[in-house]
């Protein structure tokens, strides 16, 4: 950043990053195997007997118990963003807007990131200037999405952000979005 300050606006409704939720996934057909094995496991109650397979073959209870334990030990649970599709689209819009105003390589110097987020004003907040209700996301999580979106575009890594501020406002002009200012701190 030769002039050490870059300002631009990204239209759209800002999306926060940081709300994670667990997402369980199975390999194709594994859910049915789990349910069948679990049913057999419960039905036999820990005995040493042979149990019938759904296909007609008989299997020893210990084999079923080992398979159920393997499935339970390898819980295929991933943590995903609560609004992953919206978040990826928002980060893409921020990165695209930054590429329009900055064509050089990312800086490796320390930077300061200031963001002013503008949200659509709900009818219940006609007189308030600042969003204070739970319907507007946390400022840190909003800025985190911006920081990650600008990684590799304006700076090498978001760990270079040494100073930052975020402001949340209701939009009075019918243009929700974010106004971003990135300043290079070191010469």
N, C-alpha and C. Protein backbone atom coordinates (compact mmCIF):
# COMPACT_ATOMS: atom_id res chain seq x y z
N UNK A 1 0.84 -1.17 0.00
CA UNK A 1 0.00 0.00 0.00
C UNK A 1 0.88 1.24 0.00
N UNK A 2 1.14 1.78 -1.17
CA UNK A 2 2.06 2.91 -1.25
C UNK A 2 1.60 4.13 -0.45
N UNK A 3 0.30 4.49 -0.53
CA UNK A 3 -0.16 5.67 0.20
C UNK A 3 -0.53 5.33 1.64
N UNK A 4 -0.48 4.07 2.00
CA UNK A 4 -0.66 3.55 3.36
C UNK A 4 -2.08 3.66 3.89
N UNK A 5 -3.07 4.13 3.10
CA UNK A 5 -4.47 4.14 3.52
C UNK A 5 -5.34 3.76 2.33
N UNK A 6 -6.30 2.88 2.59
CA UNK A 6 -7.20 2.42 1.54
C UNK A 6 -8.61 2.41 2.12
N UNK A 7 -9.55 3.06 1.42
CA UNK A 7 -10.94 3.12 1.87
C UNK A 7 -11.85 2.66 0.74
N UNK A 8 -12.85 1.84 1.09
CA UNK A 8 -13.83 1.41 0.11
C UNK A 8 -15.10 0.94 0.81
N UNK A 9 -16.20 0.86 0.02
CA UNK A 9 -17.51 0.47 0.55
C UNK A 9 -17.95 -0.81 -0.15
N UNK A 10 -18.52 -1.75 0.62
CA UNK A 10 -19.04 -2.99 0.06
C UNK A 10 -20.53 -3.03 0.35
N UNK A 11 -21.39 -2.99 -0.69
CA UNK A 11 -22.83 -3.05 -0.45
C UNK A 11 -23.27 -4.47 -0.11
N UNK A 12 -24.34 -4.57 0.65
CA UNK A 12 -24.89 -5.87 1.04
C UNK A 12 -25.11 -5.93 2.54
N UNK A 13 -25.81 -6.95 2.98
CA UNK A 13 -26.06 -7.11 4.42
C UNK A 13 -24.89 -7.88 5.03
N UNK A 14 -24.16 -7.26 5.97
CA UNK A 14 -23.00 -7.91 6.57
C UNK A 14 -23.36 -9.22 7.28
N UNK A 15 -22.44 -10.19 7.20
CA UNK A 15 -22.62 -11.50 7.81
C UNK A 15 -21.48 -11.72 8.80
N UNK A 16 -21.80 -12.21 9.98
CA UNK A 16 -20.80 -12.46 11.02
C UNK A 16 -20.14 -13.81 10.83
N UNK A 17 -18.89 -13.88 11.28
CA UNK A 17 -18.17 -15.15 11.26
C UNK A 17 -17.85 -15.54 12.69
N UNK A 18 -18.06 -16.80 13.03
CA UNK A 18 -17.70 -17.24 14.36
C UNK A 18 -18.74 -18.10 15.04
N UNK A 19 -19.99 -18.05 14.58
CA UNK A 19 -21.02 -18.90 15.16
C UNK A 19 -20.89 -20.29 14.54
N UNK A 20 -20.36 -21.24 15.31
CA UNK A 20 -20.16 -22.59 14.81
C UNK A 20 -21.23 -23.52 15.36
N UNK A 21 -21.59 -24.51 14.56
CA UNK A 21 -22.53 -25.52 15.02
C UNK A 21 -22.00 -26.88 14.59
N UNK A 22 -22.26 -27.93 15.37
CA UNK A 22 -21.79 -29.25 14.96
C UNK A 22 -22.63 -29.79 13.82
N UNK A 23 -21.97 -30.44 12.89
CA UNK A 23 -22.66 -31.03 11.75
C UNK A 23 -22.18 -32.47 11.62
N UNK A 24 -23.08 -33.42 11.82
CA UNK A 24 -22.72 -34.84 11.71
C UNK A 24 -22.92 -35.29 10.28
N UNK A 25 -21.97 -36.01 9.78
CA UNK A 25 -22.08 -36.52 8.41
C UNK A 25 -21.67 -37.98 8.40
N UNK A 26 -22.20 -38.71 7.45
CA UNK A 26 -21.93 -40.13 7.29
C UNK A 26 -21.47 -40.39 5.88
N UNK A 27 -20.65 -41.44 5.74
CA UNK A 27 -20.34 -41.91 4.40
C UNK A 27 -21.58 -42.54 3.82
N UNK A 28 -21.62 -42.64 2.51
CA UNK A 28 -22.81 -43.17 1.85
C UNK A 28 -23.13 -44.57 2.38
N UNK A 29 -24.34 -44.76 2.86
CA UNK A 29 -24.78 -46.05 3.36
C UNK A 29 -24.41 -46.33 4.81
N UNK A 30 -23.54 -45.52 5.41
CA UNK A 30 -23.09 -45.82 6.77
C UNK A 30 -24.19 -45.56 7.80
N UNK A 31 -25.06 -44.60 7.53
CA UNK A 31 -26.16 -44.33 8.47
C UNK A 31 -27.03 -45.56 8.63
N UNK A 32 -27.35 -46.22 7.53
CA UNK A 32 -28.18 -47.43 7.61
C UNK A 32 -27.45 -48.54 8.35
N UNK A 33 -26.15 -48.67 8.11
CA UNK A 33 -25.36 -49.68 8.82
C UNK A 33 -25.38 -49.38 10.31
N UNK A 34 -25.21 -48.11 10.69
CA UNK A 34 -25.22 -47.74 12.10
C UNK A 34 -26.53 -48.12 12.75
N UNK A 35 -27.63 -47.76 12.10
CA UNK A 35 -28.94 -48.03 12.70
C UNK A 35 -29.18 -49.53 12.84
N UNK A 36 -28.80 -50.30 11.82
CA UNK A 36 -28.99 -51.75 11.87
C UNK A 36 -28.14 -52.35 12.99
N UNK A 37 -26.87 -51.97 13.03
CA UNK A 37 -25.97 -52.50 14.07
C UNK A 37 -26.43 -52.08 15.47
N UNK A 38 -26.85 -50.84 15.61
CA UNK A 38 -27.29 -50.38 16.91
C UNK A 38 -28.52 -51.15 17.37
N UNK A 39 -29.45 -51.41 16.47
CA UNK A 39 -30.64 -52.20 16.80
C UNK A 39 -30.24 -53.59 17.26
N UNK A 40 -29.31 -54.21 16.54
CA UNK A 40 -28.84 -55.55 16.93
C UNK A 40 -28.13 -55.50 18.27
N UNK A 41 -27.35 -54.47 18.49
CA UNK A 41 -26.60 -54.32 19.74
C UNK A 41 -27.56 -54.21 20.92
N UNK A 42 -28.60 -53.43 20.79
CA UNK A 42 -29.57 -53.27 21.86
C UNK A 42 -30.36 -54.56 22.08
N UNK A 43 -30.76 -55.19 21.00
CA UNK A 43 -31.60 -56.38 21.09
C UNK A 43 -30.90 -57.54 21.81
N UNK A 44 -29.62 -57.72 21.55
CA UNK A 44 -28.92 -58.86 22.15
C UNK A 44 -28.53 -58.60 23.60
N UNK A 45 -28.40 -57.35 23.98
CA UNK A 45 -28.15 -57.03 25.38
C UNK A 45 -26.83 -57.55 25.93
N UNK A 46 -25.83 -57.74 25.12
CA UNK A 46 -24.51 -58.13 25.62
C UNK A 46 -24.31 -59.61 25.80
N UNK A 47 -25.14 -60.43 25.20
CA UNK A 47 -24.96 -61.87 25.37
C UNK A 47 -23.92 -62.40 24.40
N UNK A 48 -23.54 -63.66 24.56
CA UNK A 48 -22.55 -64.31 23.72
C UNK A 48 -23.18 -65.03 22.54
N UNK A 49 -24.38 -64.69 22.22
CA UNK A 49 -25.10 -65.45 21.21
C UNK A 49 -24.81 -64.95 19.80
N UNK A 50 -25.24 -65.74 18.84
CA UNK A 50 -25.17 -65.35 17.44
C UNK A 50 -26.47 -64.63 17.10
N UNK A 51 -26.37 -63.59 16.30
CA UNK A 51 -27.56 -62.83 15.94
C UNK A 51 -27.73 -62.83 14.42
N UNK A 52 -28.97 -62.77 13.96
CA UNK A 52 -29.19 -62.80 12.51
C UNK A 52 -28.90 -61.45 11.87
N UNK A 53 -28.28 -61.48 10.71
CA UNK A 53 -28.05 -60.29 9.89
C UNK A 53 -29.32 -60.02 9.11
N UNK A 54 -29.52 -58.81 8.63
CA UNK A 54 -30.70 -58.56 7.80
C UNK A 54 -30.72 -59.41 6.53
N UNK A 55 -29.55 -59.80 6.02
CA UNK A 55 -29.49 -60.61 4.81
C UNK A 55 -29.68 -62.09 5.07
N UNK A 56 -29.84 -62.53 6.32
CA UNK A 56 -30.07 -63.92 6.63
C UNK A 56 -28.88 -64.63 7.26
N UNK A 57 -27.66 -64.06 7.18
CA UNK A 57 -26.49 -64.70 7.79
C UNK A 57 -26.49 -64.44 9.29
N UNK A 58 -25.77 -65.32 10.00
CA UNK A 58 -25.66 -65.17 11.45
C UNK A 58 -24.28 -64.63 11.77
N UNK A 59 -24.22 -63.64 12.68
CA UNK A 59 -22.96 -62.99 13.07
C UNK A 59 -22.86 -63.05 14.58
N UNK A 60 -21.62 -63.21 15.07
CA UNK A 60 -21.39 -63.25 16.51
C UNK A 60 -21.57 -61.85 17.09
N UNK A 61 -22.12 -61.78 18.29
CA UNK A 61 -22.39 -60.51 18.96
C UNK A 61 -21.13 -59.67 19.10
N UNK A 62 -19.97 -60.27 19.37
CA UNK A 62 -18.72 -59.53 19.57
C UNK A 62 -18.34 -58.73 18.31
N UNK A 63 -18.64 -59.26 17.13
CA UNK A 63 -18.35 -58.54 15.89
C UNK A 63 -19.21 -57.28 15.78
N UNK A 64 -20.47 -57.42 16.18
CA UNK A 64 -21.37 -56.27 16.13
C UNK A 64 -20.90 -55.22 17.14
N UNK A 65 -20.54 -55.67 18.34
CA UNK A 65 -20.09 -54.73 19.36
C UNK A 65 -18.83 -53.99 18.91
N UNK A 66 -17.89 -54.67 18.27
CA UNK A 66 -16.67 -54.03 17.79
C UNK A 66 -16.99 -52.99 16.71
N UNK A 67 -17.91 -53.32 15.82
CA UNK A 67 -18.26 -52.38 14.76
C UNK A 67 -18.98 -51.16 15.32
N UNK A 68 -19.88 -51.36 16.27
CA UNK A 68 -20.58 -50.24 16.89
C UNK A 68 -19.58 -49.34 17.62
N UNK A 69 -18.62 -49.94 18.32
CA UNK A 69 -17.62 -49.16 19.04
C UNK A 69 -16.76 -48.35 18.07
N UNK A 70 -16.39 -48.95 16.94
CA UNK A 70 -15.60 -48.24 15.93
C UNK A 70 -16.38 -47.03 15.41
N UNK A 71 -17.65 -47.21 15.17
CA UNK A 71 -18.48 -46.12 14.67
C UNK A 71 -18.61 -45.02 15.72
N UNK A 72 -18.82 -45.41 16.98
CA UNK A 72 -18.96 -44.41 18.04
C UNK A 72 -17.65 -43.68 18.31
N UNK A 73 -16.52 -44.38 18.22
CA UNK A 73 -15.21 -43.75 18.45
C UNK A 73 -14.89 -42.75 17.35
N UNK A 74 -15.26 -43.05 16.13
CA UNK A 74 -14.96 -42.18 14.99
C UNK A 74 -16.17 -41.31 14.68
N UNK A 75 -16.64 -40.58 15.67
CA UNK A 75 -17.79 -39.71 15.43
C UNK A 75 -17.43 -38.71 14.34
N UNK A 76 -18.08 -38.83 13.23
CA UNK A 76 -17.79 -37.93 12.13
C UNK A 76 -18.60 -36.65 12.32
N UNK A 77 -18.05 -35.77 13.16
CA UNK A 77 -18.70 -34.51 13.44
C UNK A 77 -17.73 -33.39 13.07
N UNK A 78 -18.20 -32.46 12.25
CA UNK A 78 -17.41 -31.30 11.89
C UNK A 78 -18.10 -30.07 12.45
N UNK A 79 -17.30 -29.07 12.75
CA UNK A 79 -17.86 -27.79 13.15
C UNK A 79 -17.94 -26.92 11.90
N UNK A 80 -19.12 -26.41 11.60
CA UNK A 80 -19.31 -25.57 10.43
C UNK A 80 -19.93 -24.24 10.87
N UNK A 81 -19.76 -23.22 10.04
CA UNK A 81 -20.35 -21.92 10.34
C UNK A 81 -21.86 -22.01 10.24
N UNK A 82 -22.51 -21.33 11.15
CA UNK A 82 -23.97 -21.39 11.21
C UNK A 82 -24.61 -20.88 9.92
N UNK A 83 -23.98 -19.90 9.27
CA UNK A 83 -24.51 -19.33 8.04
C UNK A 83 -23.43 -19.43 6.96
N UNK A 84 -22.94 -20.62 6.70
CA UNK A 84 -21.77 -20.83 5.84
C UNK A 84 -21.97 -20.28 4.43
N UNK A 85 -23.10 -20.52 3.81
CA UNK A 85 -23.31 -20.05 2.43
C UNK A 85 -23.33 -18.53 2.36
N UNK A 86 -24.05 -17.92 3.28
CA UNK A 86 -24.10 -16.45 3.30
C UNK A 86 -22.73 -15.87 3.61
N UNK A 87 -22.01 -16.50 4.53
CA UNK A 87 -20.69 -16.02 4.92
C UNK A 87 -19.71 -16.09 3.74
N UNK A 88 -19.70 -17.19 3.01
CA UNK A 88 -18.78 -17.32 1.87
C UNK A 88 -19.11 -16.29 0.79
N UNK A 89 -20.39 -16.05 0.54
CA UNK A 89 -20.79 -15.05 -0.45
C UNK A 89 -20.37 -13.65 0.00
N UNK A 90 -20.55 -13.36 1.28
CA UNK A 90 -20.18 -12.05 1.82
C UNK A 90 -18.67 -11.84 1.75
N UNK A 91 -17.90 -12.83 2.17
CA UNK A 91 -16.44 -12.71 2.10
C UNK A 91 -15.97 -12.56 0.66
N UNK A 92 -16.62 -13.24 -0.29
CA UNK A 92 -16.28 -13.10 -1.70
C UNK A 92 -16.56 -11.69 -2.20
N UNK A 93 -17.67 -11.09 -1.78
CA UNK A 93 -18.02 -9.73 -2.18
C UNK A 93 -17.01 -8.73 -1.63
N UNK A 94 -16.57 -8.93 -0.38
CA UNK A 94 -15.58 -8.04 0.24
C UNK A 94 -14.25 -8.15 -0.50
N UNK A 95 -13.81 -9.37 -0.77
CA UNK A 95 -12.54 -9.57 -1.48
C UNK A 95 -12.60 -8.97 -2.89
N UNK A 96 -13.74 -9.13 -3.59
CA UNK A 96 -13.88 -8.57 -4.94
C UNK A 96 -13.82 -7.05 -4.91
N UNK A 97 -14.47 -6.43 -3.93
CA UNK A 97 -14.44 -4.97 -3.81
C UNK A 97 -13.02 -4.48 -3.51
N UNK A 98 -12.29 -5.22 -2.69
CA UNK A 98 -10.91 -4.84 -2.37
C UNK A 98 -10.01 -4.97 -3.60
N UNK A 99 -10.24 -5.99 -4.41
CA UNK A 99 -9.43 -6.17 -5.63
C UNK A 99 -9.68 -5.05 -6.65
N UNK A 100 -10.87 -4.46 -6.61
CA UNK A 100 -11.16 -3.36 -7.53
C UNK A 100 -10.35 -2.11 -7.19
N UNK A 101 -10.12 -1.89 -5.90
CA UNK A 101 -9.40 -0.67 -5.49
C UNK A 101 -7.92 -0.92 -5.24
N UNK A 102 -7.51 -2.17 -5.15
CA UNK A 102 -6.10 -2.49 -4.89
C UNK A 102 -5.66 -3.60 -5.83
N UNK A 103 -4.69 -3.30 -6.69
CA UNK A 103 -4.22 -4.30 -7.65
C UNK A 103 -2.81 -4.79 -7.34
N UNK A 104 -2.16 -4.20 -6.37
CA UNK A 104 -0.80 -4.60 -6.03
C UNK A 104 -0.76 -5.87 -5.20
N UNK A 105 0.46 -6.28 -4.85
CA UNK A 105 0.59 -7.47 -4.00
C UNK A 105 0.19 -7.16 -2.55
N UNK A 106 -0.17 -8.18 -1.79
CA UNK A 106 -0.51 -7.95 -0.38
C UNK A 106 0.72 -7.47 0.40
N UNK A 107 0.47 -6.58 1.34
CA UNK A 107 1.56 -6.06 2.16
C UNK A 107 1.93 -7.05 3.25
N UNK A 108 3.18 -6.98 3.71
CA UNK A 108 3.61 -7.82 4.82
C UNK A 108 3.86 -6.99 6.08
N UNK A 109 3.41 -5.73 6.07
CA UNK A 109 3.54 -4.82 7.21
C UNK A 109 2.31 -4.89 8.10
N UNK A 110 2.43 -4.32 9.30
CA UNK A 110 1.30 -4.26 10.23
C UNK A 110 0.25 -3.29 9.71
N UNK A 111 -1.02 -3.64 9.91
CA UNK A 111 -2.12 -2.81 9.42
C UNK A 111 -3.15 -2.57 10.52
N UNK A 112 -3.93 -1.51 10.30
CA UNK A 112 -5.07 -1.19 11.16
C UNK A 112 -6.32 -1.35 10.32
N UNK A 113 -7.36 -1.98 10.86
CA UNK A 113 -8.59 -2.23 10.12
C UNK A 113 -9.76 -1.59 10.86
N UNK A 114 -10.43 -0.66 10.18
CA UNK A 114 -11.63 -0.01 10.73
C UNK A 114 -12.81 -0.34 9.84
N UNK A 115 -13.90 -0.73 10.45
CA UNK A 115 -15.10 -1.09 9.70
C UNK A 115 -16.31 -0.39 10.31
N UNK A 116 -17.13 0.18 9.45
CA UNK A 116 -18.41 0.72 9.88
C UNK A 116 -19.49 -0.07 9.15
N UNK A 117 -20.27 -0.80 9.90
CA UNK A 117 -21.31 -1.67 9.33
C UNK A 117 -22.64 -0.95 9.35
N UNK A 118 -23.35 -1.00 8.23
CA UNK A 118 -24.66 -0.38 8.11
C UNK A 118 -25.70 -1.47 7.89
N UNK A 119 -26.69 -1.52 8.77
CA UNK A 119 -27.75 -2.53 8.72
C UNK A 119 -29.08 -1.88 8.37
N UNK A 120 -29.96 -2.63 7.71
CA UNK A 120 -31.30 -2.08 7.45
C UNK A 120 -32.01 -1.78 8.77
N UNK A 121 -32.69 -0.66 8.80
CA UNK A 121 -33.38 -0.25 10.02
C UNK A 121 -34.72 -0.96 10.12
N UNK A 122 -34.94 -1.74 11.20
CA UNK A 122 -36.26 -2.35 11.39
C UNK A 122 -37.27 -1.31 11.85
N UNK A 123 -38.53 -1.60 11.66
CA UNK A 123 -39.57 -0.65 12.06
C UNK A 123 -39.59 -0.42 13.57
N UNK A 124 -39.14 -1.42 14.32
CA UNK A 124 -39.15 -1.29 15.79
C UNK A 124 -38.06 -0.36 16.30
N UNK A 125 -37.14 0.06 15.44
CA UNK A 125 -36.02 0.91 15.88
C UNK A 125 -36.02 2.23 15.13
N UNK A 126 -37.17 2.85 15.03
CA UNK A 126 -37.27 4.08 14.25
C UNK A 126 -36.45 5.22 14.82
N UNK A 127 -36.33 5.31 16.13
CA UNK A 127 -35.67 6.46 16.74
C UNK A 127 -34.22 6.20 17.15
N UNK A 128 -33.80 4.95 17.15
CA UNK A 128 -32.44 4.65 17.59
C UNK A 128 -31.46 4.79 16.44
N UNK A 129 -30.25 5.28 16.74
CA UNK A 129 -29.19 5.39 15.75
C UNK A 129 -28.34 4.12 15.74
N UNK A 130 -28.14 3.53 16.93
CA UNK A 130 -27.24 2.39 17.06
C UNK A 130 -28.03 1.10 17.28
N UNK A 131 -27.65 0.04 16.58
CA UNK A 131 -28.32 -1.25 16.82
C UNK A 131 -27.82 -1.88 18.11
N UNK A 132 -28.73 -2.09 19.04
CA UNK A 132 -28.35 -2.68 20.33
C UNK A 132 -29.04 -4.00 20.59
N UNK A 133 -29.94 -4.39 19.72
CA UNK A 133 -30.69 -5.63 19.92
C UNK A 133 -29.89 -6.83 19.43
N UNK A 134 -30.33 -8.00 19.80
CA UNK A 134 -29.68 -9.26 19.44
C UNK A 134 -29.79 -9.56 17.95
N UNK A 135 -30.67 -8.88 17.23
CA UNK A 135 -30.85 -9.15 15.80
C UNK A 135 -29.65 -8.72 14.97
N UNK A 136 -28.81 -7.83 15.48
CA UNK A 136 -27.60 -7.39 14.77
C UNK A 136 -26.41 -8.14 15.36
N UNK A 137 -25.58 -8.76 14.52
CA UNK A 137 -24.47 -9.57 15.03
C UNK A 137 -23.43 -8.78 15.81
N UNK A 138 -22.64 -9.50 16.56
CA UNK A 138 -21.56 -8.96 17.37
C UNK A 138 -20.51 -8.32 16.46
N UNK A 139 -20.00 -7.16 16.87
CA UNK A 139 -19.03 -6.42 16.06
C UNK A 139 -17.74 -7.17 15.81
N UNK A 140 -17.25 -7.89 16.82
CA UNK A 140 -16.00 -8.65 16.64
C UNK A 140 -16.15 -9.72 15.57
N UNK A 141 -17.29 -10.39 15.56
CA UNK A 141 -17.51 -11.45 14.58
C UNK A 141 -17.71 -10.88 13.17
N UNK A 142 -18.29 -9.70 13.09
CA UNK A 142 -18.43 -9.03 11.80
C UNK A 142 -17.05 -8.66 11.25
N UNK A 143 -16.22 -8.09 12.12
CA UNK A 143 -14.87 -7.67 11.70
C UNK A 143 -13.99 -8.87 11.37
N UNK A 144 -14.21 -9.98 12.06
CA UNK A 144 -13.45 -11.21 11.78
C UNK A 144 -13.71 -11.69 10.34
N UNK A 145 -14.95 -11.59 9.88
CA UNK A 145 -15.27 -11.98 8.51
C UNK A 145 -14.56 -11.08 7.51
N UNK A 146 -14.50 -9.78 7.80
CA UNK A 146 -13.81 -8.84 6.92
C UNK A 146 -12.31 -9.13 6.92
N UNK A 147 -11.75 -9.36 8.10
CA UNK A 147 -10.32 -9.65 8.19
C UNK A 147 -9.92 -10.88 7.40
N UNK A 148 -10.72 -11.93 7.48
CA UNK A 148 -10.42 -13.15 6.72
C UNK A 148 -10.62 -12.94 5.22
N UNK A 149 -11.60 -12.14 4.84
CA UNK A 149 -11.86 -11.90 3.42
C UNK A 149 -10.71 -11.13 2.76
N UNK A 150 -10.07 -10.26 3.51
CA UNK A 150 -9.00 -9.44 2.95
C UNK A 150 -7.63 -10.11 3.00
N UNK A 151 -7.56 -11.27 3.66
CA UNK A 151 -6.31 -12.02 3.71
C UNK A 151 -5.94 -12.48 2.30
N UNK A 152 -4.70 -12.21 1.93
CA UNK A 152 -4.22 -12.57 0.60
C UNK A 152 -4.56 -11.55 -0.46
N UNK A 153 -5.38 -10.54 -0.12
CA UNK A 153 -5.72 -9.48 -1.07
C UNK A 153 -4.98 -8.20 -0.69
N UNK A 154 -5.20 -7.72 0.54
CA UNK A 154 -4.55 -6.50 1.00
C UNK A 154 -3.35 -6.76 1.90
N UNK A 155 -3.38 -7.85 2.65
CA UNK A 155 -2.27 -8.23 3.52
C UNK A 155 -2.10 -9.74 3.45
N UNK A 156 -0.93 -10.20 3.87
CA UNK A 156 -0.59 -11.61 3.73
C UNK A 156 -1.42 -12.48 4.67
N UNK A 157 -1.56 -12.05 5.93
CA UNK A 157 -2.28 -12.82 6.93
C UNK A 157 -3.01 -11.87 7.86
N UNK A 158 -4.18 -12.29 8.36
CA UNK A 158 -4.93 -11.41 9.24
C UNK A 158 -4.27 -11.23 10.60
N UNK A 159 -3.21 -11.96 10.88
CA UNK A 159 -2.46 -11.73 12.13
C UNK A 159 -1.69 -10.41 12.07
N UNK A 160 -1.60 -9.79 10.90
CA UNK A 160 -0.94 -8.49 10.74
C UNK A 160 -1.82 -7.35 11.22
N UNK A 161 -3.09 -7.61 11.52
CA UNK A 161 -3.98 -6.55 12.03
C UNK A 161 -3.62 -6.32 13.48
N UNK A 162 -3.01 -5.16 13.76
CA UNK A 162 -2.56 -4.87 15.11
C UNK A 162 -3.50 -3.90 15.82
N UNK A 163 -4.36 -3.24 15.06
CA UNK A 163 -5.30 -2.30 15.64
C UNK A 163 -6.59 -2.38 14.83
N UNK A 164 -7.71 -2.29 15.49
CA UNK A 164 -8.96 -2.37 14.75
C UNK A 164 -10.11 -1.78 15.53
N UNK A 165 -11.10 -1.36 14.78
CA UNK A 165 -12.31 -0.85 15.42
C UNK A 165 -13.49 -1.21 14.52
N UNK A 166 -14.63 -1.34 15.15
CA UNK A 166 -15.84 -1.60 14.38
C UNK A 166 -16.97 -0.77 14.95
N UNK A 167 -17.78 -0.26 14.06
CA UNK A 167 -18.94 0.53 14.42
C UNK A 167 -20.15 -0.08 13.72
N UNK A 168 -21.26 -0.12 14.41
CA UNK A 168 -22.50 -0.66 13.85
C UNK A 168 -23.54 0.46 13.87
N UNK A 169 -24.13 0.68 12.71
CA UNK A 169 -25.13 1.74 12.57
C UNK A 169 -26.33 1.21 11.81
N UNK A 170 -27.46 1.88 12.00
CA UNK A 170 -28.60 1.63 11.13
C UNK A 170 -28.43 2.49 9.89
N UNK A 171 -28.79 1.95 8.77
CA UNK A 171 -28.66 2.63 7.50
C UNK A 171 -29.84 3.57 7.29
N UNK A 172 -29.55 4.84 7.02
CA UNK A 172 -30.61 5.82 6.77
C UNK A 172 -30.77 6.11 5.29
N UNK A 173 -29.85 5.63 4.46
CA UNK A 173 -29.86 5.97 3.03
C UNK A 173 -30.32 4.82 2.14
N UNK A 174 -30.72 3.69 2.71
CA UNK A 174 -31.18 2.57 1.91
C UNK A 174 -30.04 1.77 1.28
N UNK A 175 -28.84 1.88 1.85
CA UNK A 175 -27.68 1.15 1.33
C UNK A 175 -26.98 0.41 2.46
N UNK A 176 -27.44 -0.78 2.84
CA UNK A 176 -26.70 -1.53 3.86
C UNK A 176 -25.36 -1.99 3.29
N UNK A 177 -24.42 -2.22 4.17
CA UNK A 177 -23.09 -2.67 3.73
C UNK A 177 -22.05 -2.36 4.78
N UNK A 178 -20.81 -2.22 4.33
CA UNK A 178 -19.72 -1.92 5.24
C UNK A 178 -18.76 -0.95 4.56
N UNK A 179 -18.32 0.02 5.33
CA UNK A 179 -17.28 0.95 4.89
C UNK A 179 -15.99 0.49 5.56
N UNK A 180 -14.96 0.19 4.76
CA UNK A 180 -13.72 -0.39 5.27
C UNK A 180 -12.57 0.58 5.06
N UNK A 181 -11.76 0.76 6.11
CA UNK A 181 -10.53 1.56 6.01
C UNK A 181 -9.38 0.70 6.51
N UNK A 182 -8.39 0.51 5.65
CA UNK A 182 -7.18 -0.24 6.01
C UNK A 182 -6.01 0.71 5.93
N UNK A 183 -5.28 0.84 7.05
CA UNK A 183 -4.11 1.72 7.10
C UNK A 183 -2.88 0.89 7.41
N UNK A 184 -1.82 1.18 6.70
CA UNK A 184 -0.55 0.53 7.00
C UNK A 184 0.09 1.25 8.17
N UNK A 185 0.37 0.54 9.25
CA UNK A 185 0.88 1.17 10.46
C UNK A 185 2.38 1.42 10.36
N UNK A 186 3.12 0.45 9.84
CA UNK A 186 4.56 0.58 9.71
C UNK A 186 4.90 1.12 8.33
N UNK A 187 5.96 1.96 8.24
CA UNK A 187 6.37 2.46 6.92
C UNK A 187 7.01 1.39 6.07
